[in-house]
């Protein structure tokens, strides 16, 4: 049994891009490697495309059409009604790799970066690739002013839904070689409904909020609400479509899902420097695994999509990534 794709969701697509960097000098990415990569990539892209040279993007008249502004400072579109009270909307990408334990790299090894580009952001892969190339001599990570953090971008490939790869960049050619393949919800749901009992295992900490506070005791309702909120926003702002959902019905279904076993624990060992707030921030989240039972085919579909596109706060930096598997 394959769950039906909710109306509007079939227009949401994304691409998975892997970049191979040959390490030329020691690289130290700190306790949140994906956040370090995101910060360096954003700064490089801004230097590349900014035409006003303003110190801050908030009041820039070109913020919406600007590639950097769209990707890294994502504002609501002019005249947009959805989430119009928010200063920013969900970013249309995720830095999935390097993983949390992939922090230090020595010369002669390969550093692999993985990006998920969502909706319209897929068009801007060449700009991100060029911004990454510009970092080759500037370096990334700690100590780059002393000559560390140097690398060479040698290859980029896009993951296809069938598990194969298309090469989209090769250093010998220095250009995009192929159209980037797209993933769609149907690609994840075509295998059919595996059963009503599921194990969720975190790959990176889950930072979900309820009533304004970070959640330390996860329920399926909280998880589903976070997934629905994220996917609805991604579809609205980056795929220009509105999901036709009965949120109340889905949340009632979620309340009937039971927790069979909860082995999630709070992890508080992450920290990153926020340039905007000019301070070091500590980030905590839930790690481990939890088993839910009573999951319907419709709920399983949303759980699967959340696993693919991450969920919760810090998703853009690779947090909120989990895997699910059926439990007999």
C-alpha atoms as a PDB file:
ATOM      1  CA  UNK A   1       0.000   0.000   0.000  1.00  0.00           C
ATOM      2  CA  UNK A   2       1.476   3.338  -1.087  1.00  0.00           C
ATOM      3  CA  UNK A   3       0.101   6.426   0.700  1.00  0.00           C
ATOM      4  CA  UNK A   4      -1.372   9.153  -1.491  1.00  0.00           C
ATOM      5  CA  UNK A   5       0.763  12.257  -1.928  1.00  0.00           C
ATOM      6  CA  UNK A   6      -1.015  15.246  -0.336  1.00  0.00           C
ATOM      7  CA  UNK A   7      -2.161  17.848  -2.848  1.00  0.00           C
ATOM      8  CA  UNK A   8       0.612  20.357  -3.505  1.00  0.00           C
ATOM      9  CA  UNK A   9       3.380  18.278  -1.983  1.00  0.00           C
ATOM     10  CA  UNK A  10       4.225  16.648  -5.312  1.00  0.00           C
ATOM     11  CA  UNK A  11       5.569  20.037  -6.452  1.00  0.00           C
ATOM     12  CA  UNK A  12       8.206  20.090  -3.719  1.00  0.00           C
ATOM     13  CA  UNK A  13      11.512  18.747  -5.002  1.00  0.00           C
ATOM     14  CA  UNK A  14      15.102  18.759  -3.790  1.00  0.00           C
ATOM     15  CA  UNK A  15      18.580  17.690  -4.866  1.00  0.00           C
ATOM     16  CA  UNK A  16      21.366  16.005  -2.906  1.00  0.00           C
ATOM     17  CA  UNK A  17      24.845  17.217  -3.883  1.00  0.00           C
ATOM     18  CA  UNK A  18      28.152  15.815  -2.597  1.00  0.00           C
ATOM     19  CA  UNK A  19      31.391  17.774  -2.935  1.00  0.00           C
ATOM     20  CA  UNK A  20      34.794  16.096  -2.595  1.00  0.00           C
ATOM     21  CA  UNK A  21      37.554  18.362  -1.269  1.00  0.00           C
ATOM     22  CA  UNK A  22      41.204  17.280  -1.322  1.00  0.00           C
ATOM     23  CA  UNK A  23      42.716  18.546   1.937  1.00  0.00           C
ATOM     24  CA  UNK A  24      45.975  20.463   1.358  1.00  0.00           C
ATOM     25  CA  UNK A  25      46.560  21.818   4.881  1.00  0.00           C
ATOM     26  CA  UNK A  26      45.110  20.698   8.249  1.00  0.00           C
ATOM     27  CA  UNK A  27      41.415  21.546   8.680  1.00  0.00           C
ATOM     28  CA  UNK A  28      39.706  21.906  12.073  1.00  0.00           C
ATOM     29  CA  UNK A  29      35.939  22.479  11.799  1.00  0.00           C
ATOM     30  CA  UNK A  30      35.173  22.672  15.536  1.00  0.00           C
ATOM     31  CA  UNK A  31      32.296  21.050  17.411  1.00  0.00           C
ATOM     32  CA  UNK A  32      29.680  21.802  14.705  1.00  0.00           C
ATOM     33  CA  UNK A  33      31.371  21.075  11.363  1.00  0.00           C
ATOM     34  CA  UNK A  34      28.266  21.690   9.224  1.00  0.00           C
ATOM     35  CA  UNK A  35      27.731  25.082  10.871  1.00  0.00           C
ATOM     36  CA  UNK A  36      31.356  26.023  10.148  1.00  0.00           C
ATOM     37  CA  UNK A  37      30.948  25.041   6.486  1.00  0.00           C
ATOM     38  CA  UNK A  38      27.659  26.951   6.254  1.00  0.00           C
ATOM     39  CA  UNK A  39      29.207  30.111   7.706  1.00  0.00           C
ATOM     40  CA  UNK A  40      32.219  30.004   5.404  1.00  0.00           C
ATOM     41  CA  UNK A  41      30.119  29.239   2.326  1.00  0.00           C
ATOM     42  CA  UNK A  42      27.671  32.032   3.094  1.00  0.00           C
ATOM     43  CA  UNK A  43      30.424  34.607   3.620  1.00  0.00           C
ATOM     44  CA  UNK A  44      32.120  33.577   0.373  1.00  0.00           C
ATOM     45  CA  UNK A  45      28.855  33.753  -1.584  1.00  0.00           C
ATOM     46  CA  UNK A  46      28.099  37.207  -0.175  1.00  0.00           C
ATOM     47  CA  UNK A  47      31.471  38.524  -1.279  1.00  0.00           C
ATOM     48  CA  UNK A  48      30.835  37.025  -4.699  1.00  0.00           C
ATOM     49  CA  UNK A  49      27.341  38.383  -5.466  1.00  0.00           C
ATOM     50  CA  UNK A  50      26.653  41.420  -3.226  1.00  0.00           C
ATOM     51  CA  UNK A  51      26.223  44.560  -5.341  1.00  0.00           C
ATOM     52  CA  UNK A  52      25.553  47.119  -2.574  1.00  0.00           C
ATOM     53  CA  UNK A  53      28.362  46.234  -0.140  1.00  0.00           C
ATOM     54  CA  UNK A  54      26.085  47.102   2.760  1.00  0.00           C
ATOM     55  CA  UNK A  55      27.256  45.761   6.116  1.00  0.00           C
ATOM     56  CA  UNK A  56      23.802  44.316   6.841  1.00  0.00           C
ATOM     57  CA  UNK A  57      21.176  42.771   4.561  1.00  0.00           C
ATOM     58  CA  UNK A  58      18.110  43.741   6.593  1.00  0.00           C
ATOM     59  CA  UNK A  59      17.373  47.010   4.783  1.00  0.00           C
ATOM     60  CA  UNK A  60      18.886  46.090   1.423  1.00  0.00           C
ATOM     61  CA  UNK A  61      16.408  46.861  -1.408  1.00  0.00           C
ATOM     62  CA  UNK A  62      17.738  43.871  -3.365  1.00  0.00           C
ATOM     63  CA  UNK A  63      17.405  41.364  -0.548  1.00  0.00           C
ATOM     64  CA  UNK A  64      14.697  39.269  -2.191  1.00  0.00           C
ATOM     65  CA  UNK A  65      16.176  38.881  -5.724  1.00  0.00           C
ATOM     66  CA  UNK A  66      19.733  38.549  -4.354  1.00  0.00           C
ATOM     67  CA  UNK A  67      21.057  34.984  -4.461  1.00  0.00           C
ATOM     68  CA  UNK A  68      22.859  35.356  -1.139  1.00  0.00           C
ATOM     69  CA  UNK A  69      19.856  37.027   0.472  1.00  0.00           C
ATOM     70  CA  UNK A  70      17.513  34.306  -0.745  1.00  0.00           C
ATOM     71  CA  UNK A  71      19.704  31.436   0.452  1.00  0.00           C
ATOM     72  CA  UNK A  72      21.214  32.754   3.673  1.00  0.00           C
ATOM     73  CA  UNK A  73      18.983  35.624   4.867  1.00  0.00           C
ATOM     74  CA  UNK A  74      15.756  34.231   3.369  1.00  0.00           C
ATOM     75  CA  UNK A  75      13.051  36.927   3.676  1.00  0.00           C
ATOM     76  CA  UNK A  76       9.346  36.473   2.928  1.00  0.00           C
ATOM     77  CA  UNK A  77       8.613  37.365  -0.699  1.00  0.00           C
ATOM     78  CA  UNK A  78       7.301  40.916  -1.228  1.00  0.00           C
ATOM     79  CA  UNK A  79       3.557  40.991  -0.640  1.00  0.00           C
ATOM     80  CA  UNK A  80       3.542  37.445   0.698  1.00  0.00           C
ATOM     81  CA  UNK A  81       0.784  36.609   3.161  1.00  0.00           C
ATOM     82  CA  UNK A  82       2.178  33.430   4.704  1.00  0.00           C
ATOM     83  CA  UNK A  83       4.421  33.890   7.736  1.00  0.00           C
ATOM     84  CA  UNK A  84       4.479  37.590   6.869  1.00  0.00           C
ATOM     85  CA  UNK A  85       5.196  38.489  10.490  1.00  0.00           C
ATOM     86  CA  UNK A  86       8.430  36.506  10.497  1.00  0.00           C
ATOM     87  CA  UNK A  87      11.693  38.271   9.703  1.00  0.00           C
ATOM     88  CA  UNK A  88      13.034  35.123   8.064  1.00  0.00           C
ATOM     89  CA  UNK A  89      11.547  31.950   6.639  1.00  0.00           C
ATOM     90  CA  UNK A  90      13.037  28.428   6.519  1.00  0.00           C
ATOM     91  CA  UNK A  91      16.241  28.316   4.498  1.00  0.00           C
ATOM     92  CA  UNK A  92      15.983  26.302   1.252  1.00  0.00           C
ATOM     93  CA  UNK A  93      18.957  24.058   1.953  1.00  0.00           C
ATOM     94  CA  UNK A  94      20.584  21.794   4.536  1.00  0.00           C
ATOM     95  CA  UNK A  95      24.302  21.247   5.145  1.00  0.00           C
ATOM     96  CA  UNK A  96      24.121  17.546   5.975  1.00  0.00           C
ATOM     97  CA  UNK A  97      27.822  16.753   5.993  1.00  0.00           C
ATOM     98  CA  UNK A  98      30.375  16.908   7.536  1.00  0.00           C
ATOM     99  CA  UNK A  99      28.843  14.944  10.389  1.00  0.00           C
ATOM    100  CA  UNK A 100      29.406  15.901  14.027  1.00  0.00           C
ATOM    101  CA  UNK A 101      32.321  13.491  14.496  1.00  0.00           C
ATOM    102  CA  UNK A 102      34.015  14.582  11.245  1.00  0.00           C
ATOM    103  CA  UNK A 103      35.903  17.534  12.675  1.00  0.00           C
ATOM    104  CA  UNK A 104      39.598  17.318  11.816  1.00  0.00           C
ATOM    105  CA  UNK A 105      41.194  16.465   8.484  1.00  0.00           C
ATOM    106  CA  UNK A 106      44.852  16.065   7.596  1.00  0.00           C
ATOM    107  CA  UNK A 107      46.543  16.687   4.218  1.00  0.00           C
ATOM    108  CA  UNK A 108      46.042  13.862   1.753  1.00  0.00           C
ATOM    109  CA  UNK A 109      42.556  12.984   2.978  1.00  0.00           C
ATOM    110  CA  UNK A 110      39.159  13.891   1.516  1.00  0.00           C
ATOM    111  CA  UNK A 111      36.622  16.162   3.169  1.00  0.00           C
ATOM    112  CA  UNK A 112      33.119  15.482   1.847  1.00  0.00           C
ATOM    113  CA  UNK A 113      30.413  18.108   2.058  1.00  0.00           C
ATOM    114  CA  UNK A 114      26.782  17.234   1.336  1.00  0.00           C
ATOM    115  CA  UNK A 115      24.097  19.812   0.576  1.00  0.00           C
ATOM    116  CA  UNK A 116      20.355  19.404   0.164  1.00  0.00           C
ATOM    117  CA  UNK A 117      19.070  22.140  -2.138  1.00  0.00           C
ATOM    118  CA  UNK A 118      15.317  22.561  -1.895  1.00  0.00           C
ATOM    119  CA  UNK A 119      12.956  23.983  -4.519  1.00  0.00           C
ATOM    120  CA  UNK A 120      14.240  27.102  -6.243  1.00  0.00           C
ATOM    121  CA  UNK A 121      17.609  26.807  -4.493  1.00  0.00           C
ATOM    122  CA  UNK A 122      18.502  24.004  -6.910  1.00  0.00           C
ATOM    123  CA  UNK A 123      19.069  26.632  -9.613  1.00  0.00           C
ATOM    124  CA  UNK A 124      21.874  28.242  -7.632  1.00  0.00           C
ATOM    125  CA  UNK A 125      24.218  25.252  -7.463  1.00  0.00           C
ATOM    126  CA  UNK A 126      26.774  26.903  -9.847  1.00  0.00           C
ATOM    127  CA  UNK A 127      26.993  29.953  -7.552  1.00  0.00           C
ATOM    128  CA  UNK A 128      27.515  27.787  -4.468  1.00  0.00           C
ATOM    129  CA  UNK A 129      30.142  25.805  -6.333  1.00  0.00           C
ATOM    130  CA  UNK A 130      32.006  28.975  -7.272  1.00  0.00           C
ATOM    131  CA  UNK A 131      31.749  30.282  -3.703  1.00  0.00           C
ATOM    132  CA  UNK A 132      33.261  27.010  -2.497  1.00  0.00           C
ATOM    133  CA  UNK A 133      36.097  27.325  -5.011  1.00  0.00           C
ATOM    134  CA  UNK A 134      36.826  30.839  -3.747  1.00  0.00           C
ATOM    135  CA  UNK A 135      37.436  29.328  -0.306  1.00  0.00           C
ATOM    136  CA  UNK A 136      40.253  27.097  -1.579  1.00  0.00           C
ATOM    137  CA  UNK A 137      42.932  29.723  -0.933  1.00  0.00           C
ATOM    138  CA  UNK A 138      41.139  31.508   1.929  1.00  0.00           C
ATOM    139  CA  UNK A 139      40.678  28.333   3.949  1.00  0.00           C
ATOM    140  CA  UNK A 140      37.923  27.090   6.224  1.00  0.00           C
ATOM    141  CA  UNK A 141      37.775  26.317   9.936  1.00  0.00           C
ATOM    142  CA  UNK A 142      40.045  27.307  12.779  1.00  0.00           C
ATOM    143  CA  UNK A 143      43.466  28.809  12.191  1.00  0.00           C
ATOM    144  CA  UNK A 144      42.906  29.629   8.534  1.00  0.00           C
ATOM    145  CA  UNK A 145      44.702  32.964   8.926  1.00  0.00           C
ATOM    146  CA  UNK A 146      47.821  30.991   9.828  1.00  0.00           C
ATOM    147  CA  UNK A 147      47.634  28.998   6.606  1.00  0.00           C
ATOM    148  CA  UNK A 148      45.502  26.020   7.674  1.00  0.00           C
ATOM    149  CA  UNK A 149      42.152  25.003   6.234  1.00  0.00           C
ATOM    150  CA  UNK A 150      43.292  24.875   2.599  1.00  0.00           C
ATOM    151  CA  UNK A 151      41.752  22.429   0.093  1.00  0.00           C
ATOM    152  CA  UNK A 152      40.912  21.827  -3.573  1.00  0.00           C
ATOM    153  CA  UNK A 153      37.411  21.123  -4.870  1.00  0.00           C
ATOM    154  CA  UNK A 154      37.930  18.172  -7.206  1.00  0.00           C
ATOM    155  CA  UNK A 155      34.500  16.646  -7.781  1.00  0.00           C
ATOM    156  CA  UNK A 156      30.785  17.202  -7.250  1.00  0.00           C
ATOM    157  CA  UNK A 157      28.105  14.604  -7.852  1.00  0.00           C
ATOM    158  CA  UNK A 158      24.355  14.485  -7.437  1.00  0.00           C
ATOM    159  CA  UNK A 159      22.602  11.535  -5.828  1.00  0.00           C
ATOM    160  CA  UNK A 160      19.750  10.070  -7.871  1.00  0.00           C
ATOM    161  CA  UNK A 161      16.664   8.459  -6.288  1.00  0.00           C
ATOM    162  CA  UNK A 162      17.843   5.051  -7.579  1.00  0.00           C
ATOM    163  CA  UNK A 163      21.064   5.340  -5.545  1.00  0.00           C
ATOM    164  CA  UNK A 164      23.386   6.140  -8.465  1.00  0.00           C
ATOM    165  CA  UNK A 165      25.269   9.391  -8.988  1.00  0.00           C
ATOM    166  CA  UNK A 166      25.544  11.962 -11.773  1.00  0.00           C
ATOM    167  CA  UNK A 167      28.826  13.879 -11.934  1.00  0.00           C
ATOM    168  CA  UNK A 168      27.918  17.575 -12.063  1.00  0.00           C
ATOM    169  CA  UNK A 169      31.418  19.041 -11.712  1.00  0.00           C
ATOM    170  CA  UNK A 170      34.915  17.818 -12.437  1.00  0.00           C
ATOM    171  CA  UNK A 171      37.978  19.953 -11.761  1.00  0.00           C
ATOM    172  CA  UNK A 172      39.463  19.128 -15.157  1.00  0.00           C
ATOM    173  CA  UNK A 173      36.485  20.790 -16.880  1.00  0.00           C
ATOM    174  CA  UNK A 174      35.641  23.464 -14.260  1.00  0.00           C
ATOM    175  CA  UNK A 175      31.998  23.635 -15.267  1.00  0.00           C
ATOM    176  CA  UNK A 176      28.666  22.050 -14.432  1.00  0.00           C
ATOM    177  CA  UNK A 177      28.492  18.908 -16.542  1.00  0.00           C
ATOM    178  CA  UNK A 178      24.901  17.732 -16.245  1.00  0.00           C
ATOM    179  CA  UNK A 179      21.412  18.727 -15.152  1.00  0.00           C
ATOM    180  CA  UNK A 180      20.998  18.097 -11.445  1.00  0.00           C
ATOM    181  CA  UNK A 181      18.548  15.243 -10.769  1.00  0.00           C
ATOM    182  CA  UNK A 182      15.603  15.997  -8.508  1.00  0.00           C
ATOM    183  CA  UNK A 183      14.053  14.010  -5.674  1.00  0.00           C
ATOM    184  CA  UNK A 184      10.305  14.114  -5.100  1.00  0.00           C
ATOM    185  CA  UNK A 185       8.093  12.708  -2.313  1.00  0.00           C
ATOM    186  CA  UNK A 186       6.911   9.864  -4.557  1.00  0.00           C
ATOM    187  CA  UNK A 187      10.508   8.614  -4.787  1.00  0.00           C
ATOM    188  CA  UNK A 188      10.530   7.988  -1.037  1.00  0.00           C
ATOM    189  CA  UNK A 189       7.041   6.530  -0.711  1.00  0.00           C
ATOM    190  CA  UNK A 190       6.997   4.153  -3.675  1.00  0.00           C
ATOM    191  CA  UNK A 191       8.210   1.176  -1.613  1.00  0.00           C
ATOM    192  CA  UNK A 192       4.913   1.071   0.256  1.00  0.00           C
ATOM    193  CA  UNK A 193       3.805   1.088   3.871  1.00  0.00           C
ATOM    194  CA  UNK A 194       6.077  -1.155   6.016  1.00  0.00           C
ATOM    195  CA  UNK A 195       3.925  -1.473   9.141  1.00  0.00           C
ATOM    196  CA  UNK A 196       2.584   0.352  12.168  1.00  0.00           C
ATOM    197  CA  UNK A 197       5.601  -0.002  14.490  1.00  0.00           C
ATOM    198  CA  UNK A 198       8.630   2.210  13.772  1.00  0.00           C
ATOM    199  CA  UNK A 199      12.005   2.827  15.345  1.00  0.00           C
ATOM    200  CA  UNK A 200      13.318   6.364  15.007  1.00  0.00           C
ATOM    201  CA  UNK A 201      17.068   6.748  15.483  1.00  0.00           C
ATOM    202  CA  UNK A 202      18.724  10.174  15.499  1.00  0.00           C
ATOM    203  CA  UNK A 203      21.772  10.959  13.388  1.00  0.00           C
ATOM    204  CA  UNK A 204      22.026  14.478  14.785  1.00  0.00           C
ATOM    205  CA  UNK A 205      20.292  16.075  17.794  1.00  0.00           C
ATOM    206  CA  UNK A 206      16.560  16.875  17.513  1.00  0.00           C
ATOM    207  CA  UNK A 207      15.747  20.414  18.619  1.00  0.00           C
ATOM    208  CA  UNK A 208      11.951  20.644  18.658  1.00  0.00           C
ATOM    209  CA  UNK A 209       9.879  23.239  20.475  1.00  0.00           C
ATOM    210  CA  UNK A 210       6.461  23.104  22.117  1.00  0.00           C
ATOM    211  CA  UNK A 211       4.857  26.084  23.856  1.00  0.00           C
ATOM    212  CA  UNK A 212       8.025  28.065  23.202  1.00  0.00           C
ATOM    213  CA  UNK A 213      10.361  25.632  24.958  1.00  0.00           C
ATOM    214  CA  UNK A 214      12.762  22.984  23.725  1.00  0.00           C
ATOM    215  CA  UNK A 215      11.257  19.518  24.065  1.00  0.00           C
ATOM    216  CA  UNK A 216      13.052  17.039  26.324  1.00  0.00           C
ATOM    217  CA  UNK A 217      10.278  14.409  26.267  1.00  0.00           C
ATOM    218  CA  UNK A 218       9.275  13.582  22.713  1.00  0.00           C
ATOM    219  CA  UNK A 219       5.770  12.583  21.691  1.00  0.00           C
ATOM    220  CA  UNK A 220       4.679  11.644  18.192  1.00  0.00           C
ATOM    221  CA  UNK A 221       2.288  14.589  18.120  1.00  0.00           C
ATOM    222  CA  UNK A 222       5.123  17.052  18.751  1.00  0.00           C
ATOM    223  CA  UNK A 223       7.245  15.371  16.098  1.00  0.00           C
ATOM    224  CA  UNK A 224       4.470  15.362  13.492  1.00  0.00           C
ATOM    225  CA  UNK A 225       3.544  18.974  14.146  1.00  0.00           C
ATOM    226  CA  UNK A 226       7.171  19.987  13.571  1.00  0.00           C
ATOM    227  CA  UNK A 227       7.336  17.981  10.340  1.00  0.00           C
ATOM    228  CA  UNK A 228       4.078  19.458   9.018  1.00  0.00           C
ATOM    229  CA  UNK A 229       5.193  22.978   9.869  1.00  0.00           C
ATOM    230  CA  UNK A 230       8.551  22.620   8.151  1.00  0.00           C
ATOM    231  CA  UNK A 231       7.282  20.945   4.989  1.00  0.00           C
ATOM    232  CA  UNK A 232       4.371  23.371   4.637  1.00  0.00           C
ATOM    233  CA  UNK A 233       6.781  26.306   4.888  1.00  0.00           C
ATOM    234  CA  UNK A 234       9.296  24.804   2.463  1.00  0.00           C
ATOM    235  CA  UNK A 235       6.531  24.153  -0.056  1.00  0.00           C
ATOM    236  CA  UNK A 236       5.034  27.637   0.298  1.00  0.00           C
ATOM    237  CA  UNK A 237       8.232  29.653   0.084  1.00  0.00           C
ATOM    238  CA  UNK A 238      10.490  27.545  -2.098  1.00  0.00           C
ATOM    239  CA  UNK A 239       8.128  25.558  -4.322  1.00  0.00           C
ATOM    240  CA  UNK A 240       5.392  28.210  -4.562  1.00  0.00           C
ATOM    241  CA  UNK A 241       2.642  25.797  -3.643  1.00  0.00           C
ATOM    242  CA  UNK A 242       0.216  25.441  -0.753  1.00  0.00           C
ATOM    243  CA  UNK A 243      -0.313  22.037   0.828  1.00  0.00           C
ATOM    244  CA  UNK A 244      -3.951  21.006   1.132  1.00  0.00           C
ATOM    245  CA  UNK A 245      -3.869  19.407   4.578  1.00  0.00           C
ATOM    246  CA  UNK A 246      -6.320  18.649   7.335  1.00  0.00           C
ATOM    247  CA  UNK A 247      -3.947  19.502  10.178  1.00  0.00           C
ATOM    248  CA  UNK A 248      -6.518  18.804  12.898  1.00  0.00           C
ATOM    249  CA  UNK A 249      -7.184  15.298  11.582  1.00  0.00           C
ATOM    250  CA  UNK A 250      -3.480  14.488  11.275  1.00  0.00           C
ATOM    251  CA  UNK A 251      -2.774  15.682  14.809  1.00  0.00           C
ATOM    252  CA  UNK A 252      -5.685  13.603  16.157  1.00  0.00           C
ATOM    253  CA  UNK A 253      -4.132  10.570  14.472  1.00  0.00           C
ATOM    254  CA  UNK A 254      -0.793  11.475  16.029  1.00  0.00           C
ATOM    255  CA  UNK A 255      -2.293  11.572  19.514  1.00  0.00           C
ATOM    256  CA  UNK A 256      -3.297   7.919  19.099  1.00  0.00           C
ATOM    257  CA  UNK A 257       0.304   6.844  18.408  1.00  0.00           C
ATOM    258  CA  UNK A 258       1.886   5.194  21.433  1.00  0.00           C
ATOM    259  CA  UNK A 259       5.490   5.181  22.600  1.00  0.00           C
ATOM    260  CA  UNK A 260       6.625   1.604  23.130  1.00  0.00           C
ATOM    261  CA  UNK A 261      10.191   2.368  24.133  1.00  0.00           C
ATOM    262  CA  UNK A 262      11.997   5.683  24.683  1.00  0.00           C
ATOM    263  CA  UNK A 263      15.785   5.743  24.724  1.00  0.00           C
ATOM    264  CA  UNK A 264      16.205   9.378  23.808  1.00  0.00           C
ATOM    265  CA  UNK A 265      18.499  11.465  25.980  1.00  0.00           C
ATOM    266  CA  UNK A 266      19.309  15.143  26.120  1.00  0.00           C
ATOM    267  CA  UNK A 267      22.689  16.032  24.626  1.00  0.00           C
ATOM    268  CA  UNK A 268      24.159  19.441  25.399  1.00  0.00           C
ATOM    269  CA  UNK A 269      27.657  19.179  23.939  1.00  0.00           C
ATOM    270  CA  UNK A 270      27.347  21.430  20.879  1.00  0.00           C
ATOM    271  CA  UNK A 271      28.410  25.030  20.572  1.00  0.00           C
ATOM    272  CA  UNK A 272      28.829  27.493  17.739  1.00  0.00           C
ATOM    273  CA  UNK A 273      29.765  31.120  17.344  1.00  0.00           C
ATOM    274  CA  UNK A 274      26.963  33.350  16.085  1.00  0.00           C
ATOM    275  CA  UNK A 275      28.365  36.233  14.051  1.00  0.00           C
ATOM    276  CA  UNK A 276      24.996  37.964  14.111  1.00  0.00           C
ATOM    277  CA  UNK A 277      24.694  37.811  17.912  1.00  0.00           C
ATOM    278  CA  UNK A 278      28.471  38.013  18.434  1.00  0.00           C
ATOM    279  CA  UNK A 279      28.486  35.305  21.044  1.00  0.00           C
ATOM    280  CA  UNK A 280      29.149  31.600  21.460  1.00  0.00           C
ATOM    281  CA  UNK A 281      25.920  29.633  21.695  1.00  0.00           C
ATOM    282  CA  UNK A 282      25.393  26.248  23.305  1.00  0.00           C
ATOM    283  CA  UNK A 283      22.949  23.981  21.500  1.00  0.00           C
ATOM    284  CA  UNK A 284      21.248  20.939  22.972  1.00  0.00           C
ATOM    285  CA  UNK A 285      18.943  18.313  21.553  1.00  0.00           C
ATOM    286  CA  UNK A 286      17.565  14.797  21.849  1.00  0.00           C
ATOM    287  CA  UNK A 287      19.757  11.895  20.719  1.00  0.00           C
ATOM    288  CA  UNK A 288      19.194   8.137  20.743  1.00  0.00           C
ATOM    289  CA  UNK A 289      16.185   6.142  19.608  1.00  0.00           C
ATOM    290  CA  UNK A 290      12.476   5.799  20.259  1.00  0.00           C
ATOM    291  CA  UNK A 291       9.908   3.217  19.106  1.00  0.00           C
ATOM    292  CA  UNK A 292       6.400   4.329  18.147  1.00  0.00           C
ATOM    293  CA  UNK A 293       3.452   2.009  17.488  1.00  0.00           C
ATOM    294  CA  UNK A 294       0.102   2.660  15.890  1.00  0.00           C
ATOM    295  CA  UNK A 295       1.467   4.596  12.895  1.00  0.00           C
ATOM    296  CA  UNK A 296      -0.968   4.719   9.967  1.00  0.00           C
ATOM    297  CA  UNK A 297       0.169   4.767   6.318  1.00  0.00           C
ATOM    298  CA  UNK A 298      -0.559   8.500   6.159  1.00  0.00           C
ATOM    299  CA  UNK A 299       1.545   9.238   9.237  1.00  0.00           C
ATOM    300  CA  UNK A 300       4.336   6.980   7.974  1.00  0.00           C
ATOM    301  CA  UNK A 301       4.526   9.103   4.811  1.00  0.00           C
ATOM    302  CA  UNK A 302       5.106  12.286   6.801  1.00  0.00           C
ATOM    303  CA  UNK A 303       7.638  10.559   9.049  1.00  0.00           C
ATOM    304  CA  UNK A 304       9.549   9.448   5.936  1.00  0.00           C
ATOM    305  CA  UNK A 305       9.576  12.923   4.437  1.00  0.00           C
ATOM    306  CA  UNK A 306      10.772  14.410   7.722  1.00  0.00           C
ATOM    307  CA  UNK A 307      13.683  11.974   7.709  1.00  0.00           C
ATOM    308  CA  UNK A 308      14.680  13.152   4.226  1.00  0.00           C
ATOM    309  CA  UNK A 309      14.430  16.913   4.820  1.00  0.00           C
ATOM    310  CA  UNK A 310      15.296  17.183   8.547  1.00  0.00           C
ATOM    311  CA  UNK A 311      13.098  18.721  11.198  1.00  0.00           C
ATOM    312  CA  UNK A 312      13.282  21.278  13.988  1.00  0.00           C
ATOM    313  CA  UNK A 313      15.594  24.134  14.875  1.00  0.00           C
ATOM    314  CA  UNK A 314      19.087  24.045  13.398  1.00  0.00           C
ATOM    315  CA  UNK A 315      18.002  21.906  10.442  1.00  0.00           C
ATOM    316  CA  UNK A 316      19.932  24.175   8.078  1.00  0.00           C
ATOM    317  CA  UNK A 317      23.125  23.138   9.934  1.00  0.00           C
ATOM    318  CA  UNK A 318      22.359  19.432   9.703  1.00  0.00           C
ATOM    319  CA  UNK A 319      20.494  19.027  12.997  1.00  0.00           C
ATOM    320  CA  UNK A 320      17.178  17.190  13.155  1.00  0.00           C
ATOM    321  CA  UNK A 321      18.300  14.321  10.928  1.00  0.00           C
ATOM    322  CA  UNK A 322      16.941  10.863  11.756  1.00  0.00           C
ATOM    323  CA  UNK A 323      16.385   7.414  10.226  1.00  0.00           C
ATOM    324  CA  UNK A 324      13.336   5.202  10.604  1.00  0.00           C
ATOM    325  CA  UNK A 325      12.947   1.458  10.255  1.00  0.00           C
ATOM    326  CA  UNK A 326      10.048  -0.962  10.825  1.00  0.00           C
ATOM    327  CA  UNK A 327       9.989  -3.094  13.960  1.00  0.00           C
ATOM    328  CA  UNK A 328       8.477  -6.562  13.759  1.00  0.00           C
END
